[in-house]
Amino acid sequence: MGCGSVATYRAALLFIFFNVPLLTCKVTKLFRNFVPIMVKKLYTAAFALAAGLVLAACGGGDKKPKALTVPVAHAVADTVLTLGHYGRLRVHVDFAYLRGKEYAAVNDSLLRMGLLQPDYSGISYQRLQPVPAVRDFVRRYADDYVEMARLIRQHEKKAARLDWQLDIRTRFAAGQGSDIVCLADIANKTGDAVVRYTLVRNFNPKTGRITTLADAFGDDYRESLTHEIVSALAGRLGLENADSTALRTKGYFVGTSPYPTDNCILTDDSATFIYTPGEIAAKEVRVSIER
């Protein structure tokens, strides 16, 4: 096997295994002497409080982000594997899930949403539990690394660069209505190359069902969302023309037509579309629109 075919062989292996689309006044005082000056102060304070309430009701104050109302726990697993003097693998997974027996079915669904990459859980027919599922993920990833390292070592000998690292951390945020947004921040290092990307899933915490763009915007969402995304991105780039041609001159959507990605954070007042590195541009691109 020649040098060219070796490079092609390694690239194919790396592509198959790792290239995946790619969450805390006191104000109380006791007034024993009810004198005029204190009465005046009380009226002043009462007026100020009433005015503050009116302003807040009218939107005068800053809007606080919506808080999660579900119990959250984390399944964490780590491993370090060394292969002689030529290979080392480090894996860290911190997977957020909903705590409580009543969420067993929801967590099973959460583990099957492709947030752990590579996606081993999708092929299991048994109900998945977060802690053992995360441990199994790390074990299987390590096993696959050993096999990949053996094959690469066979063909590249001393040229093999097998210092790899995988870091996956998921977190929750309040989404639209009663939905929850789960974000997976992933960093995958192979040799000197590091790829970082974020995967997003919006889901119903009662059923575990994923909320799609069609659920949020209706079945005919594609055309209207595409227009808003193009306009928002063009505006951010300061382009005179808000169209795909203008975006392509800046390196966006080259070789493909603009589209709304399903990798999207849905909240009550906005939608943020996250395009992973290499999807529509060299780096990650986030585009937010108002709802």
Protein backbone atom coordinates (compact mmCIF):
# COMPACT_ATOMS: atom_id res chain seq x y z
CA MET A 1 0.00 0.00 0.00
CA GLY A 2 1.50 3.35 -1.08
CA CYS A 3 1.63 6.58 0.87
CA GLY A 4 -1.36 8.04 -0.95
CA SER A 5 -3.55 5.06 -0.20
CA VAL A 6 -2.45 5.03 3.45
CA ALA A 7 -3.61 8.63 3.86
CA THR A 8 -6.83 7.77 2.12
CA TYR A 9 -7.27 4.72 4.35
CA ARG A 10 -6.78 6.74 7.53
CA ALA A 11 -9.05 9.54 6.37
CA ALA A 12 -11.78 7.03 5.61
CA LEU A 13 -11.46 5.45 9.05
CA LEU A 14 -11.55 8.80 10.83
CA PHE A 15 -14.53 9.95 8.76
CA ILE A 16 -16.59 6.84 9.45
CA PHE A 17 -15.89 6.81 13.18
CA PHE A 18 -15.81 10.48 14.12
CA ASN A 19 -17.62 12.50 11.49
CA VAL A 20 -21.06 12.83 13.08
CA PRO A 21 -23.41 15.69 12.81
CA LEU A 22 -20.99 16.80 14.26
CA LEU A 23 -27.31 23.09 30.95
CA THR A 24 -30.01 32.37 44.16
CA CYS A 25 -33.58 42.33 52.45
CA LYS A 26 -34.08 42.77 54.72
CA VAL A 27 -36.57 45.64 54.49
CA THR A 28 -38.51 45.10 57.64
CA LYS A 29 -38.49 47.67 60.38
CA LEU A 30 -40.70 47.91 63.47
CA PHE A 31 -42.14 51.36 64.02
CA ARG A 32 -43.10 51.83 67.63
CA ASN A 33 -43.40 55.64 67.48
CA PHE A 34 -45.79 56.66 64.80
CA VAL A 35 -44.51 60.25 64.28
CA PRO A 36 -45.16 62.43 61.24
CA ILE A 37 -41.68 62.13 59.81
CA MET A 38 -41.93 58.35 59.82
CA VAL A 39 -45.36 58.52 58.24
CA LYS A 40 -43.87 60.61 55.45
CA LYS A 41 -41.09 58.09 54.93
CA LEU A 42 -43.55 55.24 54.83
CA TYR A 43 -45.68 56.98 52.21
CA THR A 44 -42.55 57.72 50.18
CA ALA A 45 -41.44 54.09 50.35
CA ALA A 46 -44.92 52.84 49.50
CA PHE A 47 -45.07 55.13 46.48
CA ALA A 48 -41.68 53.98 45.27
CA LEU A 49 -42.65 50.34 45.66
CA ALA A 50 -45.91 50.86 43.77
CA ALA A 51 -44.08 52.69 40.99
CA GLY A 52 -41.55 49.87 40.75
CA LEU A 53 -44.29 47.29 40.45
CA VAL A 54 -45.99 49.29 37.71
CA LEU A 55 -42.73 49.63 35.77
CA ALA A 56 -42.01 45.92 36.10
CA ALA A 57 -45.52 45.07 34.92
CA CYS A 58 -45.05 47.35 31.92
CA GLY A 59 -41.72 45.76 31.01
CA GLY A 60 -39.56 48.50 32.52
CA GLY A 61 -37.26 46.02 34.31
CA ASP A 62 -34.85 43.47 32.87
CA LYS A 63 -36.46 40.19 31.95
CA LYS A 64 -35.02 37.29 33.92
CA PRO A 65 -34.41 34.00 32.13
CA LYS A 66 -36.98 31.33 32.78
CA ALA A 67 -35.84 28.84 35.42
CA LEU A 68 -35.98 25.07 35.16
CA THR A 69 -38.56 23.44 37.42
CA VAL A 70 -37.38 19.84 37.17
CA PRO A 71 -34.81 17.98 39.32
CA VAL A 72 -31.50 17.46 37.51
CA ALA A 73 -28.69 14.98 38.11
CA HIS A 74 -25.47 14.11 36.26
CA ALA A 75 -23.94 10.84 35.14
CA VAL A 76 -20.16 11.29 34.95
CA ALA A 77 -17.53 8.91 33.62
CA ASP A 78 -13.82 9.28 32.86
CA THR A 79 -11.10 7.06 31.53
CA VAL A 80 -7.45 7.31 30.49
CA LEU A 81 -6.01 4.61 28.27
CA THR A 82 -2.37 4.32 27.25
CA LEU A 83 -1.04 2.20 24.40
CA GLY A 84 2.67 1.81 24.91
CA HIS A 85 4.64 4.89 23.93
CA TYR A 86 2.60 5.78 20.87
CA GLY A 87 -1.05 6.07 21.94
CA ARG A 88 -3.10 7.75 24.63
CA LEU A 89 -6.87 8.24 24.96
CA ARG A 90 -8.65 10.49 27.47
CA VAL A 91 -12.45 10.49 27.71
CA HIS A 92 -14.67 12.64 29.93
CA VAL A 93 -18.47 12.51 29.81
CA ASP A 94 -20.82 14.59 32.01
CA PHE A 95 -24.37 13.76 31.00
CA ALA A 96 -27.29 15.71 32.55
CA TYR A 97 -30.55 13.86 33.11
CA LEU A 98 -33.82 14.23 35.01
CA ARG A 99 -33.70 12.80 38.54
CA GLY A 100 -36.53 10.54 39.72
CA LYS A 101 -38.19 7.25 38.79
CA GLU A 102 -41.02 9.12 37.08
CA TYR A 103 -38.53 10.29 34.45
CA ALA A 104 -37.19 6.83 33.54
CA ALA A 105 -38.85 6.78 30.12
CA VAL A 106 -37.84 10.38 29.42
CA ASN A 107 -34.19 9.65 30.25
CA ASP A 108 -34.26 6.62 27.99
CA SER A 109 -35.44 8.89 25.18
CA LEU A 110 -32.81 11.51 26.08
CA LEU A 111 -30.04 8.95 25.80
CA ARG A 112 -31.26 8.04 22.30
CA MET A 113 -31.25 11.59 20.91
CA GLY A 114 -27.72 11.37 19.53
CA LEU A 115 -26.18 13.71 22.12
CA LEU A 116 -23.44 11.19 22.87
CA GLN A 117 -21.29 10.81 19.80
CA PRO A 118 -20.62 8.26 18.41
CA ASP A 119 -24.23 7.18 18.96
CA TYR A 120 -24.08 3.68 20.43
CA SER A 121 -27.38 3.93 22.40
CA GLY A 122 -29.57 4.19 19.33
CA ILE A 123 -29.17 0.51 18.50
CA SER A 124 -30.18 -0.82 21.97
CA TYR A 125 -33.69 -2.22 22.47
CA GLN A 126 -33.51 -2.30 26.28
CA ARG A 127 -34.52 0.68 28.45
CA LEU A 128 -31.44 2.78 29.08
CA GLN A 129 -30.48 4.24 32.46
CA PRO A 130 -28.14 7.26 32.52
CA VAL A 131 -25.32 6.05 34.82
CA PRO A 132 -24.76 2.58 33.29
CA ALA A 133 -25.40 3.93 29.78
CA VAL A 134 -22.71 6.60 30.14
CA ARG A 135 -20.23 4.08 31.56
CA ASP A 136 -20.99 1.72 28.69
CA PHE A 137 -20.50 4.54 26.19
CA VAL A 138 -17.02 5.28 27.57
CA ARG A 139 -16.09 1.59 27.56
CA ARG A 140 -17.22 1.07 23.99
CA TYR A 141 -15.47 4.22 22.81
CA ALA A 142 -12.23 3.02 24.41
CA ASP A 143 -12.61 -0.40 22.77
CA ASP A 144 -13.15 1.21 19.38
CA TYR A 145 -10.10 3.44 19.93
CA VAL A 146 -7.91 0.42 20.61
CA GLU A 147 -9.08 -1.22 17.39
CA MET A 148 -8.70 1.96 15.36
CA ALA A 149 -5.24 2.55 16.82
CA ARG A 150 -4.18 -0.98 15.90
CA LEU A 151 -5.28 -0.57 12.29
CA ILE A 152 -3.70 2.86 11.92
CA ARG A 153 -0.51 1.67 13.59
CA GLN A 154 -0.31 -1.24 11.18
CA HIS A 155 -0.34 1.00 8.13
CA GLU A 156 1.39 4.16 9.32
CA LYS A 157 3.96 2.70 11.71
CA LYS A 158 5.90 5.46 13.45
CA ALA A 159 3.96 8.18 11.62
CA ALA A 160 0.78 7.36 13.55
CA ARG A 161 -0.45 10.18 15.82
CA LEU A 162 -2.71 8.51 18.35
CA ASP A 163 -3.02 11.10 21.14
CA TRP A 164 -6.80 11.41 21.18
CA GLN A 165 -9.29 13.01 23.57
CA LEU A 166 -13.09 13.17 23.77
CA ASP A 167 -14.96 15.57 26.07
CA ILE A 168 -18.79 15.63 26.17
CA ARG A 169 -20.75 17.81 28.60
CA THR A 170 -24.52 18.20 28.40
CA ARG A 171 -26.65 20.80 30.17
CA PHE A 172 -30.27 21.87 30.40
CA ALA A 173 -31.98 25.22 29.84
CA ALA A 174 -35.63 26.26 29.88
CA GLY A 175 -37.14 26.17 26.42
CA GLN A 176 -40.40 27.21 24.84
CA GLY A 177 -43.48 26.67 26.99
CA SER A 178 -42.75 23.78 29.33
CA ASP A 179 -40.07 22.28 27.08
CA ILE A 180 -36.44 21.73 28.06
CA VAL A 181 -33.44 22.44 25.85
CA CYS A 182 -30.54 20.00 26.16
CA LEU A 183 -27.20 21.19 24.79
CA ALA A 184 -24.22 18.89 24.32
CA ASP A 185 -20.85 20.65 24.10
CA ILE A 186 -18.45 18.26 22.40
CA ALA A 187 -14.69 18.51 21.86
CA ASN A 188 -13.01 15.77 19.82
CA LYS A 189 -9.20 15.77 19.55
CA THR A 190 -7.36 13.44 17.20
CA GLY A 191 -3.64 14.17 17.11
CA ASP A 192 -3.23 17.91 16.61
CA ALA A 193 -6.74 18.42 15.23
CA VAL A 194 -9.52 19.53 17.59
CA VAL A 195 -13.14 19.84 16.55
CA ARG A 196 -15.62 21.58 18.88
CA TYR A 197 -19.33 21.66 18.25
CA THR A 198 -22.69 21.88 20.03
CA LEU A 199 -25.68 19.63 19.53
CA VAL A 200 -29.17 20.72 20.61
CA ARG A 201 -32.36 18.86 21.35
CA ASN A 202 -35.64 20.44 22.49
CA PHE A 203 -37.90 17.99 24.29
CA ASN A 204 -41.04 17.61 26.37
CA PRO A 205 -40.07 16.61 29.97
CA LYS A 206 -43.33 14.68 30.41
CA THR A 207 -43.13 12.50 27.34
CA GLY A 208 -39.49 12.70 26.24
CA ARG A 209 -40.64 13.55 22.72
CA ILE A 210 -38.39 15.82 20.66
CA THR A 211 -39.94 19.15 19.64
CA THR A 212 -39.29 19.73 15.95
CA LEU A 213 -39.26 22.93 13.90
CA ALA A 214 -42.56 21.86 12.42
CA ASP A 215 -44.01 21.58 15.92
CA ALA A 216 -42.78 25.09 16.75
CA PHE A 217 -43.44 26.90 13.47
CA GLY A 218 -45.90 24.78 11.52
CA ASP A 219 -45.42 22.40 8.61
CA ASP A 220 -44.59 25.19 6.13
CA TYR A 221 -41.76 26.61 8.25
CA ARG A 222 -38.88 26.06 5.84
CA GLU A 223 -39.37 28.99 3.42
CA SER A 224 -40.17 31.64 6.05
CA LEU A 225 -37.38 30.55 8.42
CA THR A 226 -34.86 30.42 5.61
CA HIS A 227 -35.71 34.01 4.66
CA GLU A 228 -35.34 35.18 8.28
CA ILE A 229 -32.03 33.36 8.72
CA VAL A 230 -30.58 34.82 5.51
CA SER A 231 -31.75 38.33 6.47
CA ALA A 232 -30.36 38.05 10.01
CA LEU A 233 -26.98 36.70 8.87
CA ALA A 234 -26.65 39.23 6.05
CA GLY A 235 -27.49 42.04 8.47
CA ARG A 236 -24.86 40.85 10.93
CA LEU A 237 -22.26 40.74 8.17
CA GLY A 238 -23.24 44.22 6.94
CA LEU A 239 -24.20 43.04 3.46
CA GLU A 240 -26.23 45.29 1.19
CA ASN A 241 -28.11 42.40 -0.35
CA ALA A 242 -29.80 39.89 1.96
CA ASP A 243 -29.63 36.84 -0.29
CA SER A 244 -27.75 33.60 -0.67
CA THR A 245 -25.47 34.97 -3.39
CA ALA A 246 -24.21 37.72 -1.10
CA LEU A 247 -23.68 35.23 1.71
CA ARG A 248 -21.65 32.94 -0.53
CA THR A 249 -19.22 35.76 -1.29
CA LYS A 250 -18.46 35.76 2.46
CA GLY A 251 -18.05 31.99 2.64
CA TYR A 252 -21.47 30.96 3.90
CA PHE A 253 -23.70 28.30 2.31
CA VAL A 254 -21.15 27.65 -0.41
CA GLY A 255 -22.29 24.68 -2.47
CA THR A 256 -25.67 24.46 -0.76
CA SER A 257 -28.85 26.49 -0.48
CA PRO A 258 -29.66 28.23 2.83
CA TYR A 259 -31.84 26.22 5.18
CA PRO A 260 -32.98 26.18 8.82
CA THR A 261 -31.02 23.56 10.74
CA ASP A 262 -32.81 21.29 13.21
CA ASN A 263 -29.89 21.98 15.58
CA CYS A 264 -31.81 24.87 17.12
CA ILE A 265 -32.48 26.37 20.57
CA LEU A 266 -36.19 27.13 20.87
CA THR A 267 -37.38 29.57 23.58
CA ASP A 268 -40.58 31.56 24.06
CA ASP A 269 -39.22 34.64 22.29
CA SER A 270 -36.41 33.46 20.03
CA ALA A 271 -34.89 30.66 17.98
CA THR A 272 -31.12 30.22 17.69
CA PHE A 273 -29.91 28.04 14.84
CA ILE A 274 -26.49 26.46 15.42
CA TYR A 275 -24.60 25.25 12.36
CA THR A 276 -21.70 22.98 13.25
CA PRO A 277 -18.17 23.57 11.86
CA GLY A 278 -17.99 22.72 8.18
CA GLU A 279 -21.76 22.66 7.76
CA ILE A 280 -22.26 26.09 6.13
CA ALA A 281 -18.88 27.68 6.96
CA ALA A 282 -15.49 26.68 8.30
CA LYS A 283 -16.40 27.58 11.88
CA GLU A 284 -19.56 27.22 13.95
CA VAL A 285 -22.25 29.72 13.01
CA ARG A 286 -25.14 30.80 15.25
CA VAL A 287 -28.07 32.77 13.91
CA SER A 288 -30.86 34.04 16.20
CA ILE A 289 -34.25 35.29 15.13
CA GLU A 290 -37.14 36.69 17.16
CA ARG A 291 -40.38 34.78 17.47
